[in-house]
């Protein structure tokens, strides 16, 4: 679990946050002031006792904020109709956020792998191009020498056609049309 802002959590549960507290962050949640850890969101529940009565104690113990159904004082809080339901909505939002982060990391890895493959292919094509240009410069290559055909075009520096593409004799124009 990552730290969340009150603004983000309120968006997930349909709550309201005083704008001056929107950027307050919390990590984890608890509804028991006896085991509450500093930085957690204190969840106010209604049971035999009114959880709102424990808000000052929770803030004193280091609660970053409170998830409650009514204003009791000036403290960082998300105000909702039902804190129990809101807690579930926040948990779902956080889970979806974590899944989204995982998908993003997976996409970054795939992109990096694709970039490596692109760079390797680009390097190989550059080597083949340099070799073919050297053959042309040395007068050792012709258009049908069985290795490569090189077509110089206006918008592209060099386009390589592999001999195995079977474009056939005299069809350089059709190959050029394909490239365009």
Protein backbone atom coordinates (compact mmCIF):
# COMPACT_ATOMS: atom_id res chain seq x y z
CA UNK A 1 0.00 0.00 0.00
CA UNK A 2 1.21 3.48 -0.86
CA UNK A 3 0.44 6.73 0.88
CA UNK A 4 -2.82 8.28 -0.24
CA UNK A 5 -4.03 11.86 -0.04
CA UNK A 6 -7.34 12.71 1.54
CA UNK A 7 -8.44 14.22 -1.78
CA UNK A 8 -7.74 10.95 -3.60
CA UNK A 9 -9.48 8.81 -0.97
CA UNK A 10 -12.48 11.17 -0.86
CA UNK A 11 -12.84 10.88 -4.63
CA UNK A 12 -13.04 7.10 -4.33
CA UNK A 13 -15.66 7.12 -1.58
CA UNK A 14 -17.68 10.21 -2.51
CA UNK A 15 -16.57 12.06 0.61
CA UNK A 16 -15.83 15.71 1.28
CA UNK A 17 -12.53 17.13 2.50
CA UNK A 18 -11.88 20.67 3.65
CA UNK A 19 -9.63 22.08 0.86
CA UNK A 20 -6.92 23.03 3.36
CA UNK A 21 -6.50 19.32 4.19
CA UNK A 22 -6.76 17.81 0.67
CA UNK A 23 -3.04 17.03 0.43
CA UNK A 24 -2.70 15.39 3.84
CA UNK A 25 -1.38 11.86 3.34
CA UNK A 26 -2.09 8.69 5.28
CA UNK A 27 -0.82 5.14 5.16
CA UNK A 28 -3.16 2.43 6.38
CA UNK A 29 -6.30 2.69 8.44
CA UNK A 30 -7.52 1.65 11.87
CA UNK A 31 -10.64 2.02 13.96
CA UNK A 32 -9.05 1.26 17.33
CA UNK A 33 -7.14 4.06 19.07
CA UNK A 34 -5.37 1.49 21.28
CA UNK A 35 -3.43 0.10 18.31
CA UNK A 36 -3.55 3.08 15.97
CA UNK A 37 -0.17 3.87 14.40
CA UNK A 38 1.01 7.38 13.55
CA UNK A 39 0.15 8.32 9.98
CA UNK A 40 -2.90 6.07 9.72
CA UNK A 41 -6.45 7.09 8.86
CA UNK A 42 -8.70 6.75 11.91
CA UNK A 43 -12.03 5.17 10.97
CA UNK A 44 -14.94 6.37 13.09
CA UNK A 45 -17.46 3.57 13.53
CA UNK A 46 -20.80 3.57 15.33
CA UNK A 47 -21.32 0.69 17.70
CA UNK A 48 -22.07 0.55 21.39
CA UNK A 49 -20.02 3.72 21.60
CA UNK A 50 -19.86 6.65 19.22
CA UNK A 51 -16.48 6.56 17.47
CA UNK A 52 -16.59 10.34 17.11
CA UNK A 53 -15.83 10.53 20.84
CA UNK A 54 -12.39 9.00 20.13
CA UNK A 55 -11.31 11.48 17.46
CA UNK A 56 -9.26 13.71 19.83
CA UNK A 57 -7.46 10.66 21.19
CA UNK A 58 -6.75 9.39 17.65
CA UNK A 59 -5.33 12.76 16.58
CA UNK A 60 -3.22 12.87 19.76
CA UNK A 61 -1.84 9.39 18.98
CA UNK A 62 -0.73 10.57 15.53
CA UNK A 63 -3.61 9.76 13.21
CA UNK A 64 -2.99 11.57 9.95
CA UNK A 65 -6.72 12.11 9.44
CA UNK A 66 -10.17 10.82 10.25
CA UNK A 67 -12.88 9.11 8.18
CA UNK A 68 -16.14 10.13 9.84
CA UNK A 69 -19.76 11.13 9.29
CA UNK A 70 -19.88 14.52 11.02
CA UNK A 71 -17.69 17.46 11.95
CA UNK A 72 -16.51 17.38 15.55
CA UNK A 73 -13.58 19.81 15.34
CA UNK A 74 -10.94 21.26 13.04
CA UNK A 75 -8.77 18.33 11.97
CA UNK A 76 -7.92 16.60 8.67
CA UNK A 77 -10.95 14.48 7.78
CA UNK A 78 -12.96 12.87 5.04
CA UNK A 79 -16.66 13.34 5.72
CA UNK A 80 -18.97 10.61 4.43
CA UNK A 81 -22.43 9.27 5.09
CA UNK A 82 -21.25 5.82 6.22
CA UNK A 83 -17.54 5.37 7.16
CA UNK A 84 -17.83 1.55 6.96
CA UNK A 85 -18.93 1.65 3.33
CA UNK A 86 -16.47 4.44 2.53
CA UNK A 87 -13.58 2.38 3.93
CA UNK A 88 -14.45 -0.44 1.51
CA UNK A 89 -14.59 2.01 -1.39
CA UNK A 90 -11.20 3.47 -0.44
CA UNK A 91 -9.74 -0.04 -0.18
CA UNK A 92 -11.09 -0.90 -3.64
CA UNK A 93 -9.70 2.34 -5.08
CA UNK A 94 -6.28 1.68 -3.55
CA UNK A 95 -6.27 -1.89 -4.90
CA UNK A 96 -7.16 -0.66 -8.38
CA UNK A 97 -4.43 1.97 -8.11
CA UNK A 98 -1.87 -0.69 -7.20
CA UNK A 99 -3.06 -2.91 -10.07
CA UNK A 100 -2.77 0.07 -12.41
CA UNK A 101 0.78 0.74 -11.20
CA UNK A 102 1.66 -2.92 -11.80
CA UNK A 103 0.22 -2.76 -15.31
CA UNK A 104 2.17 0.43 -15.94
CA UNK A 105 5.40 -1.20 -14.76
CA UNK A 106 4.71 -4.22 -16.99
CA UNK A 107 4.08 -1.88 -19.94
CA UNK A 108 7.34 -0.03 -19.22
CA UNK A 109 9.22 -3.35 -19.21
CA UNK A 110 7.61 -4.37 -22.51
CA UNK A 111 8.43 -0.97 -23.97
CA UNK A 112 12.04 -1.25 -22.81
CA UNK A 113 12.31 -4.75 -24.29
CA UNK A 114 10.81 -3.50 -27.55
CA UNK A 115 13.23 -0.57 -27.59
CA UNK A 116 16.16 -2.94 -27.13
CA UNK A 117 14.92 -5.10 -30.02
CA UNK A 118 14.45 -1.96 -32.13
CA UNK A 119 17.96 -0.72 -31.33
CA UNK A 120 19.46 -4.14 -32.12
CA UNK A 121 17.57 -4.28 -35.42
CA UNK A 122 18.50 -0.71 -36.25
CA UNK A 123 22.19 -1.43 -35.55
CA UNK A 124 22.07 -4.51 -37.79
CA UNK A 125 20.39 -2.55 -40.60
CA UNK A 126 22.99 0.22 -40.29
CA UNK A 127 25.78 -2.35 -40.53
CA UNK A 128 24.18 -3.90 -43.63
CA UNK A 129 23.69 -0.48 -45.17
CA UNK A 130 27.32 0.51 -44.55
CA UNK A 131 28.45 -2.79 -46.08
CA UNK A 132 26.22 -2.32 -49.12
CA UNK A 133 27.29 1.30 -49.60
CA UNK A 134 30.94 0.23 -49.40
CA UNK A 135 30.32 -2.39 -52.08
CA UNK A 136 28.72 0.24 -54.28
CA UNK A 137 31.60 2.63 -53.67
CA UNK A 138 34.11 -0.11 -54.52
CA UNK A 139 32.17 -0.96 -57.66
CA UNK A 140 31.54 -4.49 -56.43
CA UNK A 141 27.77 -4.31 -56.18
CA UNK A 142 25.06 -4.08 -58.77
CA UNK A 143 21.33 -3.88 -58.38
CA UNK A 144 20.98 -7.61 -58.83
CA UNK A 145 24.08 -8.86 -57.04
CA UNK A 146 22.02 -11.20 -54.85
CA UNK A 147 22.55 -9.29 -51.61
CA UNK A 148 20.71 -5.99 -51.44
CA UNK A 149 19.02 -3.46 -53.63
CA UNK A 150 19.45 0.15 -52.62
CA UNK A 151 16.96 2.74 -53.70
CA UNK A 152 17.65 6.41 -53.00
CA UNK A 153 14.49 8.40 -52.44
CA UNK A 154 13.74 12.04 -51.68
CA UNK A 155 12.12 11.74 -48.22
CA UNK A 156 14.03 8.70 -47.02
CA UNK A 157 17.79 8.57 -46.78
CA UNK A 158 18.06 4.93 -47.82
CA UNK A 159 15.59 2.12 -48.21
CA UNK A 160 16.92 -1.46 -48.25
CA UNK A 161 15.15 -4.15 -50.22
CA UNK A 162 16.19 -7.70 -49.52
CA UNK A 163 16.78 -9.70 -52.70
CA UNK A 164 14.45 -12.37 -51.32
CA UNK A 165 11.44 -10.09 -51.64
CA UNK A 166 11.09 -11.36 -55.24
CA UNK A 167 10.09 -8.05 -56.72
CA UNK A 168 11.49 -9.25 -60.03
CA UNK A 169 13.48 -7.61 -62.81
CA UNK A 170 12.17 -4.27 -63.98
CA UNK A 171 9.82 -3.82 -61.06
CA UNK A 172 11.82 -1.19 -59.23
CA UNK A 173 8.98 1.25 -59.91
CA UNK A 174 6.46 -1.02 -58.19
CA UNK A 175 8.79 -1.42 -55.21
CA UNK A 176 9.10 2.35 -55.04
CA UNK A 177 5.29 2.65 -55.12
CA UNK A 178 5.05 0.22 -52.20
CA UNK A 179 7.53 2.27 -50.17
CA UNK A 180 5.65 5.51 -50.82
